[in-house]
């Protein structure tokens, strides 16, 4: 079964609320087998919208990433991010 990447591009508009999201999400994502491989490092914007916070997490499967996102715990975290950021988030299966 191929692993999957959770790729987020974020513009934070309320740092205090967004940090509440990040604190909870940091605990939830590993519970579903997720491991952060990129988290807010240096970057170069080549195309599209510039969003300074870039996060990539690897999950054991697309289903695990999906289950994490839809879990009660992650939805609680997301409640802090919704009004505190502009986000794009995609989960995509990796090639084997």
PDB file of N, CA and C in Angstrom:
ATOM      1  N   UNK A   1       0.854  -1.176   0.000  1.00  0.00           N
ATOM      2  CA  UNK A   1       0.000   0.000   0.000  1.00  0.00           C
ATOM      3  C   UNK A   1       0.904   1.245   0.000  1.00  0.00           C
ATOM      4  N   UNK A   2       0.691   2.167  -0.918  1.00  0.00           N
ATOM      5  CA  UNK A   2       1.533   3.371  -0.963  1.00  0.00           C
ATOM      6  C   UNK A   2       1.254   4.313   0.206  1.00  0.00           C
ATOM      7  N   UNK A   3       2.299   4.992   0.638  1.00  0.00           N
ATOM      8  CA  UNK A   3       2.132   6.021   1.664  1.00  0.00           C
ATOM      9  C   UNK A   3       1.509   7.253   1.019  1.00  0.00           C
ATOM     10  N   UNK A   4       1.159   8.216   1.845  1.00  0.00           N
ATOM     11  CA  UNK A   4       0.514   9.432   1.344  1.00  0.00           C
ATOM     12  C   UNK A   4       1.133  10.646   2.009  1.00  0.00           C
ATOM     13  N   UNK A   5       1.120  11.750   1.278  1.00  0.00           N
ATOM     14  CA  UNK A   5       1.610  13.015   1.805  1.00  0.00           C
ATOM     15  C   UNK A   5       0.447  13.958   2.067  1.00  0.00           C
ATOM     16  N   UNK A   6       0.526  14.637   3.180  1.00  0.00           N
ATOM     17  CA  UNK A   6      -0.419  15.681   3.574  1.00  0.00           C
ATOM     18  C   UNK A   6       0.353  16.971   3.360  1.00  0.00           C
ATOM     19  N   UNK A   7      -0.069  17.791   2.416  1.00  0.00           N
ATOM     20  CA  UNK A   7       0.668  18.990   2.033  1.00  0.00           C
ATOM     21  C   UNK A   7      -0.197  20.214   2.314  1.00  0.00           C
ATOM     22  N   UNK A   8       0.309  21.090   3.160  1.00  0.00           N
ATOM     23  CA  UNK A   8      -0.434  22.295   3.538  1.00  0.00           C
ATOM     24  C   UNK A   8       0.399  23.533   3.224  1.00  0.00           C
ATOM     25  N   UNK A   9      -0.270  24.536   2.667  1.00  0.00           N
ATOM     26  CA  UNK A   9       0.317  25.855   2.438  1.00  0.00           C
ATOM     27  C   UNK A   9      -0.575  26.839   3.179  1.00  0.00           C
ATOM     28  N   UNK A  10       0.022  27.599   4.091  1.00  0.00           N
ATOM     29  CA  UNK A  10      -0.768  28.380   5.035  1.00  0.00           C
ATOM     30  C   UNK A  10      -0.266  29.818   5.139  1.00  0.00           C
ATOM     31  N   UNK A  11      -1.208  30.743   5.162  1.00  0.00           N
ATOM     32  CA  UNK A  11      -0.929  32.133   5.535  1.00  0.00           C
ATOM     33  C   UNK A  11      -1.616  32.345   6.877  1.00  0.00           C
ATOM     34  N   UNK A  12      -0.839  32.561   7.908  1.00  0.00           N
ATOM     35  CA  UNK A  12      -1.375  32.755   9.256  1.00  0.00           C
ATOM     36  C   UNK A  12      -1.822  34.204   9.404  1.00  0.00           C
ATOM     37  N   UNK A  13      -3.072  34.398   9.845  1.00  0.00           N
ATOM     38  CA  UNK A  13      -3.605  35.744  10.039  1.00  0.00           C
ATOM     39  C   UNK A  13      -3.825  36.073  11.516  1.00  0.00           C
ATOM     40  N   UNK A  14      -3.804  35.064  12.374  1.00  0.00           N
ATOM     41  CA  UNK A  14      -3.937  35.249  13.827  1.00  0.00           C
ATOM     42  C   UNK A  14      -3.011  34.232  14.484  1.00  0.00           C
ATOM     43  N   UNK A  15      -1.808  34.683  14.820  1.00  0.00           N
ATOM     44  CA  UNK A  15      -0.774  33.773  15.314  1.00  0.00           C
ATOM     45  C   UNK A  15      -1.165  33.068  16.609  1.00  0.00           C
ATOM     46  N   UNK A  16      -1.818  33.759  17.532  1.00  0.00           N
ATOM     47  CA  UNK A  16      -2.180  33.140  18.806  1.00  0.00           C
ATOM     48  C   UNK A  16      -3.138  31.966  18.607  1.00  0.00           C
ATOM     49  N   UNK A  17      -4.190  32.177  17.837  1.00  0.00           N
ATOM     50  CA  UNK A  17      -5.146  31.091  17.579  1.00  0.00           C
ATOM     51  C   UNK A  17      -4.503  29.976  16.766  1.00  0.00           C
ATOM     52  N   UNK A  18      -3.680  30.352  15.796  1.00  0.00           N
ATOM     53  CA  UNK A  18      -3.069  29.322  14.957  1.00  0.00           C
ATOM     54  C   UNK A  18      -2.119  28.446  15.772  1.00  0.00           C
ATOM     55  N   UNK A  19      -1.444  29.010  16.742  1.00  0.00           N
ATOM     56  CA  UNK A  19      -0.551  28.212  17.575  1.00  0.00           C
ATOM     57  C   UNK A  19      -1.339  27.210  18.423  1.00  0.00           C
ATOM     58  N   UNK A  20      -2.580  27.535  18.786  1.00  0.00           N
ATOM     59  CA  UNK A  20      -3.435  26.558  19.485  1.00  0.00           C
ATOM     60  C   UNK A  20      -3.723  25.390  18.559  1.00  0.00           C
ATOM     61  N   UNK A  21      -4.024  25.701  17.293  1.00  0.00           N
ATOM     62  CA  UNK A  21      -4.223  24.649  16.295  1.00  0.00           C
ATOM     63  C   UNK A  21      -2.976  23.776  16.205  1.00  0.00           C
ATOM     64  N   UNK A  22      -1.813  24.424  16.037  1.00  0.00           N
ATOM     65  CA  UNK A  22      -0.564  23.692  15.828  1.00  0.00           C
ATOM     66  C   UNK A  22      -0.235  22.787  17.011  1.00  0.00           C
ATOM     67  N   UNK A  23      -0.493  23.246  18.213  1.00  0.00           N
ATOM     68  CA  UNK A  23      -0.202  22.440  19.405  1.00  0.00           C
ATOM     69  C   UNK A  23      -1.025  21.156  19.410  1.00  0.00           C
ATOM     70  N   UNK A  24      -2.306  21.271  19.080  1.00  0.00           N
ATOM     71  CA  UNK A  24      -3.169  20.088  19.065  1.00  0.00           C
ATOM     72  C   UNK A  24      -2.823  19.192  17.882  1.00  0.00           C
ATOM     73  N   UNK A  25      -2.679  19.773  16.701  1.00  0.00           N
ATOM     74  CA  UNK A  25      -2.379  18.988  15.498  1.00  0.00           C
ATOM     75  C   UNK A  25      -1.069  18.218  15.644  1.00  0.00           C
ATOM     76  N   UNK A  26      -0.092  18.812  16.309  1.00  0.00           N
ATOM     77  CA  UNK A  26       1.200  18.159  16.525  1.00  0.00           C
ATOM     78  C   UNK A  26       1.041  16.870  17.310  1.00  0.00           C
ATOM     79  N   UNK A  27       0.066  16.823  18.187  1.00  0.00           N
ATOM     80  CA  UNK A  27      -0.200  15.615  18.975  1.00  0.00           C
ATOM     81  C   UNK A  27      -1.053  14.613  18.198  1.00  0.00           C
ATOM     82  N   UNK A  28      -1.984  15.091  17.385  1.00  0.00           N
ATOM     83  CA  UNK A  28      -2.946  14.214  16.701  1.00  0.00           C
ATOM     84  C   UNK A  28      -2.318  13.491  15.509  1.00  0.00           C
ATOM     85  N   UNK A  29      -1.579  14.202  14.687  1.00  0.00           N
ATOM     86  CA  UNK A  29      -1.061  13.627  13.442  1.00  0.00           C
ATOM     87  C   UNK A  29      -0.253  12.343  13.679  1.00  0.00           C
ATOM     88  N   UNK A  30       0.653  12.275  14.653  1.00  0.00           N
ATOM     89  CA  UNK A  30       1.376  11.020  14.890  1.00  0.00           C
ATOM     90  C   UNK A  30       0.469   9.863  15.343  1.00  0.00           C
ATOM     91  N   UNK A  31      -0.665  10.168  15.944  1.00  0.00           N
ATOM     92  CA  UNK A  31      -1.582   9.113  16.369  1.00  0.00           C
ATOM     93  C   UNK A  31      -2.127   8.315  15.183  1.00  0.00           C
ATOM     94  N   UNK A  32      -2.055   8.887  13.989  1.00  0.00           N
ATOM     95  CA  UNK A  32      -2.523   8.224  12.775  1.00  0.00           C
ATOM     96  C   UNK A  32      -1.345   7.781  11.900  1.00  0.00           C
ATOM     97  N   UNK A  33      -0.173   7.737  12.487  1.00  0.00           N
ATOM     98  CA  UNK A  33       1.018   7.295  11.771  1.00  0.00           C
ATOM     99  C   UNK A  33       1.703   8.392  10.982  1.00  0.00           C
ATOM    100  N   UNK A  34       1.235   9.636  11.133  1.00  0.00           N
ATOM    101  CA  UNK A  34       1.821  10.752  10.407  1.00  0.00           C
ATOM    102  C   UNK A  34       3.153  11.179  10.997  1.00  0.00           C
ATOM    103  N   UNK A  35       4.073  11.538  10.117  1.00  0.00           N
ATOM    104  CA  UNK A  35       5.387  12.022  10.540  1.00  0.00           C
ATOM    105  C   UNK A  35       5.693  13.277   9.733  1.00  0.00           C
ATOM    106  N   UNK A  36       6.016  14.354  10.426  1.00  0.00           N
ATOM    107  CA  UNK A  36       6.355  15.597   9.746  1.00  0.00           C
ATOM    108  C   UNK A  36       7.695  15.440   9.031  1.00  0.00           C
ATOM    109  N   UNK A  37       7.728  15.825   7.747  1.00  0.00           N
ATOM    110  CA  UNK A  37       8.981  15.792   7.001  1.00  0.00           C
ATOM    111  C   UNK A  37       9.391  17.190   6.550  1.00  0.00           C
ATOM    112  N   UNK A  38       8.445  18.135   6.534  1.00  0.00           N
ATOM    113  CA  UNK A  38       8.715  19.549   6.274  1.00  0.00           C
ATOM    114  C   UNK A  38       7.807  20.329   7.204  1.00  0.00           C
ATOM    115  N   UNK A  39       8.395  21.301   7.873  1.00  0.00           N
ATOM    116  CA  UNK A  39       7.572  22.091   8.777  1.00  0.00           C
ATOM    117  C   UNK A  39       8.130  23.501   8.890  1.00  0.00           C
ATOM    118  N   UNK A  40       7.623  24.368   8.016  1.00  0.00           N
ATOM    119  CA  UNK A  40       7.917  25.785   8.122  1.00  0.00           C
ATOM    120  C   UNK A  40       9.378  26.136   7.907  1.00  0.00           C
ATOM    121  N   UNK A  41      10.074  25.403   7.040  1.00  0.00           N
ATOM    122  CA  UNK A  41      11.467  25.701   6.766  1.00  0.00           C
ATOM    123  C   UNK A  41      11.618  26.773   5.688  1.00  0.00           C
ATOM    124  N   UNK A  42      12.847  27.012   5.311  1.00  0.00           N
ATOM    125  CA  UNK A  42      13.124  27.949   4.232  1.00  0.00           C
ATOM    126  C   UNK A  42      12.490  27.435   2.952  1.00  0.00           C
ATOM    127  N   UNK A  43      12.062  28.359   2.094  1.00  0.00           N
ATOM    128  CA  UNK A  43      11.408  27.953   0.857  1.00  0.00           C
ATOM    129  C   UNK A  43      11.615  29.023  -0.199  1.00  0.00           C
ATOM    130  N   UNK A  44      11.330  28.649  -1.434  1.00  0.00           N
ATOM    131  CA  UNK A  44      11.357  29.576  -2.555  1.00  0.00           C
ATOM    132  C   UNK A  44      10.042  29.434  -3.299  1.00  0.00           C
ATOM    133  N   UNK A  45       9.264  30.488  -3.354  1.00  0.00           N
ATOM    134  CA  UNK A  45       7.974  30.473  -4.046  1.00  0.00           C
ATOM    135  C   UNK A  45       8.217  30.664  -5.542  1.00  0.00           C
ATOM    136  N   UNK A  46       7.873  29.683  -6.338  1.00  0.00           N
ATOM    137  CA  UNK A  46       8.100  29.755  -7.772  1.00  0.00           C
ATOM    138  C   UNK A  46       6.837  30.057  -8.563  1.00  0.00           C
ATOM    139  N   UNK A  47       5.691  29.581  -8.094  1.00  0.00           N
ATOM    140  CA  UNK A  47       4.419  29.822  -8.772  1.00  0.00           C
ATOM    141  C   UNK A  47       3.319  29.867  -7.723  1.00  0.00           C
ATOM    142  N   UNK A  48       2.191  30.449  -8.088  1.00  0.00           N
ATOM    143  CA  UNK A  48       1.014  30.425  -7.238  1.00  0.00           C
ATOM    144  C   UNK A  48       1.079  31.403  -6.077  1.00  0.00           C
ATOM    145  N   UNK A  49       0.170  31.185  -5.136  1.00  0.00           N
ATOM    146  CA  UNK A  49       0.037  32.064  -3.970  1.00  0.00           C
ATOM    147  C   UNK A  49       1.152  31.821  -2.974  1.00  0.00           C
ATOM    148  N   UNK A  50       1.756  32.890  -2.506  1.00  0.00           N
ATOM    149  CA  UNK A  50       2.803  32.795  -1.501  1.00  0.00           C
ATOM    150  C   UNK A  50       2.171  32.652  -0.126  1.00  0.00           C
ATOM    151  N   UNK A  51       2.397  31.529   0.493  1.00  0.00           N
ATOM    152  CA  UNK A  51       1.941  31.285   1.860  1.00  0.00           C
ATOM    153  C   UNK A  51       3.150  30.792   2.635  1.00  0.00           C
ATOM    154  N   UNK A  52       3.572  31.577   3.589  1.00  0.00           N
ATOM    155  CA  UNK A  52       4.883  31.391   4.218  1.00  0.00           C
ATOM    156  C   UNK A  52       5.006  30.127   5.062  1.00  0.00           C
ATOM    157  N   UNK A  53       3.910  29.530   5.459  1.00  0.00           N
ATOM    158  CA  UNK A  53       3.998  28.314   6.275  1.00  0.00           C
ATOM    159  C   UNK A  53       3.690  27.114   5.382  1.00  0.00           C
ATOM    160  N   UNK A  54       4.659  26.239   5.242  1.00  0.00           N
ATOM    161  CA  UNK A  54       4.527  25.055   4.396  1.00  0.00           C
ATOM    162  C   UNK A  54       4.804  23.827   5.242  1.00  0.00           C
ATOM    163  N   UNK A  55       3.879  22.865   5.193  1.00  0.00           N
ATOM    164  CA  UNK A  55       3.984  21.676   6.025  1.00  0.00           C
ATOM    165  C   UNK A  55       3.716  20.442   5.170  1.00  0.00           C
ATOM    166  N   UNK A  56       4.570  19.433   5.331  1.00  0.00           N
ATOM    167  CA  UNK A  56       4.356  18.150   4.675  1.00  0.00           C
ATOM    168  C   UNK A  56       4.503  17.068   5.736  1.00  0.00           C
ATOM    169  N   UNK A  57       3.516  16.196   5.801  1.00  0.00           N
ATOM    170  CA  UNK A  57       3.576  15.043   6.700  1.00  0.00           C
ATOM    171  C   UNK A  57       3.354  13.787   5.862  1.00  0.00           C
ATOM    172  N   UNK A  58       4.073  12.735   6.193  1.00  0.00           N
ATOM    173  CA  UNK A  58       3.908  11.453   5.512  1.00  0.00           C
ATOM    174  C   UNK A  58       3.073  10.535   6.402  1.00  0.00           C
ATOM    175  N   UNK A  59       2.078   9.909   5.790  1.00  0.00           N
ATOM    176  CA  UNK A  59       1.219   8.943   6.469  1.00  0.00           C
ATOM    177  C   UNK A  59       1.408   7.572   5.837  1.00  0.00           C
ATOM    178  N   UNK A  60       1.106   6.519   6.558  1.00  0.00           N
ATOM    179  CA  UNK A  60       1.292   5.180   5.996  1.00  0.00           C
ATOM    180  C   UNK A  60       0.365   4.881   4.809  1.00  0.00           C
ATOM    181  N   UNK A  61      -0.723   5.631   4.688  1.00  0.00           N
ATOM    182  CA  UNK A  61      -1.659   5.402   3.580  1.00  0.00           C
ATOM    183  C   UNK A  61      -2.538   6.634   3.396  1.00  0.00           C
ATOM    184  N   UNK A  62      -3.175   6.709   2.243  1.00  0.00           N
ATOM    185  CA  UNK A  62      -4.140   7.773   1.989  1.00  0.00           C
ATOM    186  C   UNK A  62      -5.281   7.692   2.998  1.00  0.00           C
ATOM    187  N   UNK A  63      -5.700   6.467   3.322  1.00  0.00           N
ATOM    188  CA  UNK A  63      -6.786   6.286   4.287  1.00  0.00           C
ATOM    189  C   UNK A  63      -6.403   6.810   5.663  1.00  0.00           C
ATOM    190  N   UNK A  64      -5.162   6.570   6.094  1.00  0.00           N
ATOM    191  CA  UNK A  64      -4.713   7.064   7.404  1.00  0.00           C
ATOM    192  C   UNK A  64      -4.731   8.591   7.437  1.00  0.00           C
ATOM    193  N   UNK A  65      -4.289   9.238   6.356  1.00  0.00           N
ATOM    194  CA  UNK A  65      -4.313  10.700   6.289  1.00  0.00           C
ATOM    195  C   UNK A  65      -5.746  11.216   6.312  1.00  0.00           C
ATOM    196  N   UNK A  66      -6.620  10.557   5.567  1.00  0.00           N
ATOM    197  CA  UNK A  66      -8.042  10.906   5.535  1.00  0.00           C
ATOM    198  C   UNK A  66      -8.655  10.758   6.931  1.00  0.00           C
ATOM    199  N   UNK A  67      -8.381   9.633   7.574  1.00  0.00           N
ATOM    200  CA  UNK A  67      -8.935   9.379   8.904  1.00  0.00           C
ATOM    201  C   UNK A  67      -8.447  10.407   9.916  1.00  0.00           C
ATOM    202  N   UNK A  68      -7.189  10.801   9.813  1.00  0.00           N
ATOM    203  CA  UNK A  68      -6.655  11.829  10.708  1.00  0.00           C
ATOM    204  C   UNK A  68      -7.424  13.128  10.530  1.00  0.00           C
ATOM    205  N   UNK A  69      -7.548  13.567   9.283  1.00  0.00           N
ATOM    206  CA  UNK A  69      -8.225  14.843   9.012  1.00  0.00           C
ATOM    207  C   UNK A  69      -9.649  14.844   9.552  1.00  0.00           C
ATOM    208  N   UNK A  70     -10.351  13.749   9.389  1.00  0.00           N
ATOM    209  CA  UNK A  70     -11.759  13.683   9.782  1.00  0.00           C
ATOM    210  C   UNK A  70     -11.976  13.253  11.233  1.00  0.00           C
ATOM    211  N   UNK A  71     -10.898  13.023  11.964  1.00  0.00           N
ATOM    212  CA  UNK A  71     -11.032  12.617  13.369  1.00  0.00           C
ATOM    213  C   UNK A  71     -11.569  13.774  14.216  1.00  0.00           C
ATOM    214  N   UNK A  72     -12.221  13.433  15.298  1.00  0.00           N
ATOM    215  CA  UNK A  72     -12.728  14.454  16.218  1.00  0.00           C
ATOM    216  C   UNK A  72     -11.596  15.326  16.757  1.00  0.00           C
ATOM    217  N   UNK A  73     -10.473  14.697  17.074  1.00  0.00           N
ATOM    218  CA  UNK A  73      -9.355  15.443  17.654  1.00  0.00           C
ATOM    219  C   UNK A  73      -8.790  16.452  16.661  1.00  0.00           C
ATOM    220  N   UNK A  74      -8.626  16.059  15.391  1.00  0.00           N
ATOM    221  CA  UNK A  74      -8.099  17.005  14.412  1.00  0.00           C
ATOM    222  C   UNK A  74      -9.117  18.095  14.105  1.00  0.00           C
ATOM    223  N   UNK A  75     -10.379  17.750  14.061  1.00  0.00           N
ATOM    224  CA  UNK A  75     -11.409  18.762  13.813  1.00  0.00           C
ATOM    225  C   UNK A  75     -11.437  19.792  14.942  1.00  0.00           C
ATOM    226  N   UNK A  76     -11.159  19.338  16.166  1.00  0.00           N
ATOM    227  CA  UNK A  76     -11.044  20.293  17.275  1.00  0.00           C
ATOM    228  C   UNK A  76      -9.880  21.253  17.014  1.00  0.00           C
ATOM    229  N   UNK A  77      -8.739  20.706  16.596  1.00  0.00           N
ATOM    230  CA  UNK A  77      -7.587  21.555  16.271  1.00  0.00           C
ATOM    231  C   UNK A  77      -7.943  22.529  15.155  1.00  0.00           C
ATOM    232  N   UNK A  78      -8.598  22.023  14.139  1.00  0.00           N
ATOM    233  CA  UNK A  78      -8.937  22.838  12.981  1.00  0.00           C
ATOM    234  C   UNK A  78      -9.860  24.002  13.340  1.00  0.00           C
ATOM    235  N   UNK A  79     -10.642  23.846  14.386  1.00  0.00           N
ATOM    236  CA  UNK A  79     -11.533  24.938  14.800  1.00  0.00           C
ATOM    237  C   UNK A  79     -10.738  26.199  15.157  1.00  0.00           C
ATOM    238  N   UNK A  80      -9.487  26.043  15.591  1.00  0.00           N
ATOM    239  CA  UNK A  80      -8.636  27.194  15.907  1.00  0.00           C
ATOM    240  C   UNK A  80      -8.003  27.789  14.644  1.00  0.00           C
ATOM    241  N   UNK A  81      -7.817  26.970  13.617  1.00  0.00           N
ATOM    242  CA  UNK A  81      -7.142  27.434  12.398  1.00  0.00           C
ATOM    243  C   UNK A  81      -8.091  28.115  11.422  1.00  0.00           C
ATOM    244  N   UNK A  82      -9.349  27.754  11.443  1.00  0.00           N
ATOM    245  CA  UNK A  82     -10.279  28.236  10.415  1.00  0.00           C
ATOM    246  C   UNK A  82     -10.327  29.759  10.309  1.00  0.00           C
ATOM    247  N   UNK A  83     -10.440  30.459  11.405  1.00  0.00           N
ATOM    248  CA  UNK A  83     -10.513  31.920  11.384  1.00  0.00           C
ATOM    249  C   UNK A  83      -9.154  32.574  11.618  1.00  0.00           C
ATOM    250  N   UNK A  84      -8.111  31.757  11.683  1.00  0.00           N
ATOM    251  CA  UNK A  84      -6.778  32.278  11.986  1.00  0.00           C
ATOM    252  C   UNK A  84      -5.807  32.098  10.829  1.00  0.00           C
ATOM    253  N   UNK A  85      -6.331  31.646   9.678  1.00  0.00           N
ATOM    254  CA  UNK A  85      -5.419  31.370   8.570  1.00  0.00           C
ATOM    255  C   UNK A  85      -6.168  31.236   7.253  1.00  0.00           C
ATOM    256  N   UNK A  86      -5.398  31.338   6.183  1.00  0.00           N
ATOM    257  CA  UNK A  86      -5.857  30.971   4.852  1.00  0.00           C
ATOM    258  C   UNK A  86      -5.035  29.746   4.492  1.00  0.00           C
ATOM    259  N   UNK A  87      -5.707  28.635   4.160  1.00  0.00           N
ATOM    260  CA  UNK A  87      -5.005  27.364   3.994  1.00  0.00           C
ATOM    261  C   UNK A  87      -5.412  26.645   2.715  1.00  0.00           C
ATOM    262  N   UNK A  88      -4.463  25.964   2.163  1.00  0.00           N
ATOM    263  CA  UNK A  88      -4.707  24.953   1.143  1.00  0.00           C
ATOM    264  C   UNK A  88      -4.147  23.667   1.711  1.00  0.00           C
ATOM    265  N   UNK A  89      -4.917  22.591   1.621  1.00  0.00           N
ATOM    266  CA  UNK A  89      -4.466  21.302   2.148  1.00  0.00           C
ATOM    267  C   UNK A  89      -4.883  20.215   1.178  1.00  0.00           C
ATOM    268  N   UNK A  90      -3.949  19.357   0.850  1.00  0.00           N
ATOM    269  CA  UNK A  90      -4.229  18.231  -0.031  1.00  0.00           C
ATOM    270  C   UNK A  90      -3.543  16.997   0.546  1.00  0.00           C
ATOM    271  N   UNK A  91      -4.164  15.846   0.354  1.00  0.00           N
ATOM    272  CA  UNK A  91      -3.485  14.585   0.638  1.00  0.00           C
ATOM    273  C   UNK A  91      -3.355  13.858  -0.689  1.00  0.00           C
ATOM    274  N   UNK A  92      -2.187  13.283  -0.913  1.00  0.00           N
ATOM    275  CA  UNK A  92      -1.917  12.651  -2.197  1.00  0.00           C
ATOM    276  C   UNK A  92      -1.084  11.386  -1.967  1.00  0.00           C
ATOM    277  N   UNK A  93      -1.445  10.326  -2.683  1.00  0.00           N
ATOM    278  CA  UNK A  93      -0.704   9.085  -2.583  1.00  0.00           C
ATOM    279  C   UNK A  93       0.668   9.237  -3.244  1.00  0.00           C
ATOM    280  N   UNK A  94       1.670   8.660  -2.593  1.00  0.00           N
ATOM    281  CA  UNK A  94       3.003   8.663  -3.180  1.00  0.00           C
ATOM    282  C   UNK A  94       3.111   7.534  -4.201  1.00  0.00           C
ATOM    283  N   UNK A  95       4.030   7.692  -5.108  1.00  0.00           N
ATOM    284  CA  UNK A  95       4.303   6.638  -6.080  1.00  0.00           C
ATOM    285  C   UNK A  95       5.090   5.527  -5.404  1.00  0.00           C
ATOM    286  N   UNK A  96       4.820   4.330  -5.775  1.00  0.00           N
ATOM    287  CA  UNK A  96       5.576   3.201  -5.198  1.00  0.00           C
ATOM    288  C   UNK A  96       6.860   3.014  -5.938  1.00  0.00           C
TER     289      UNK A  96
END
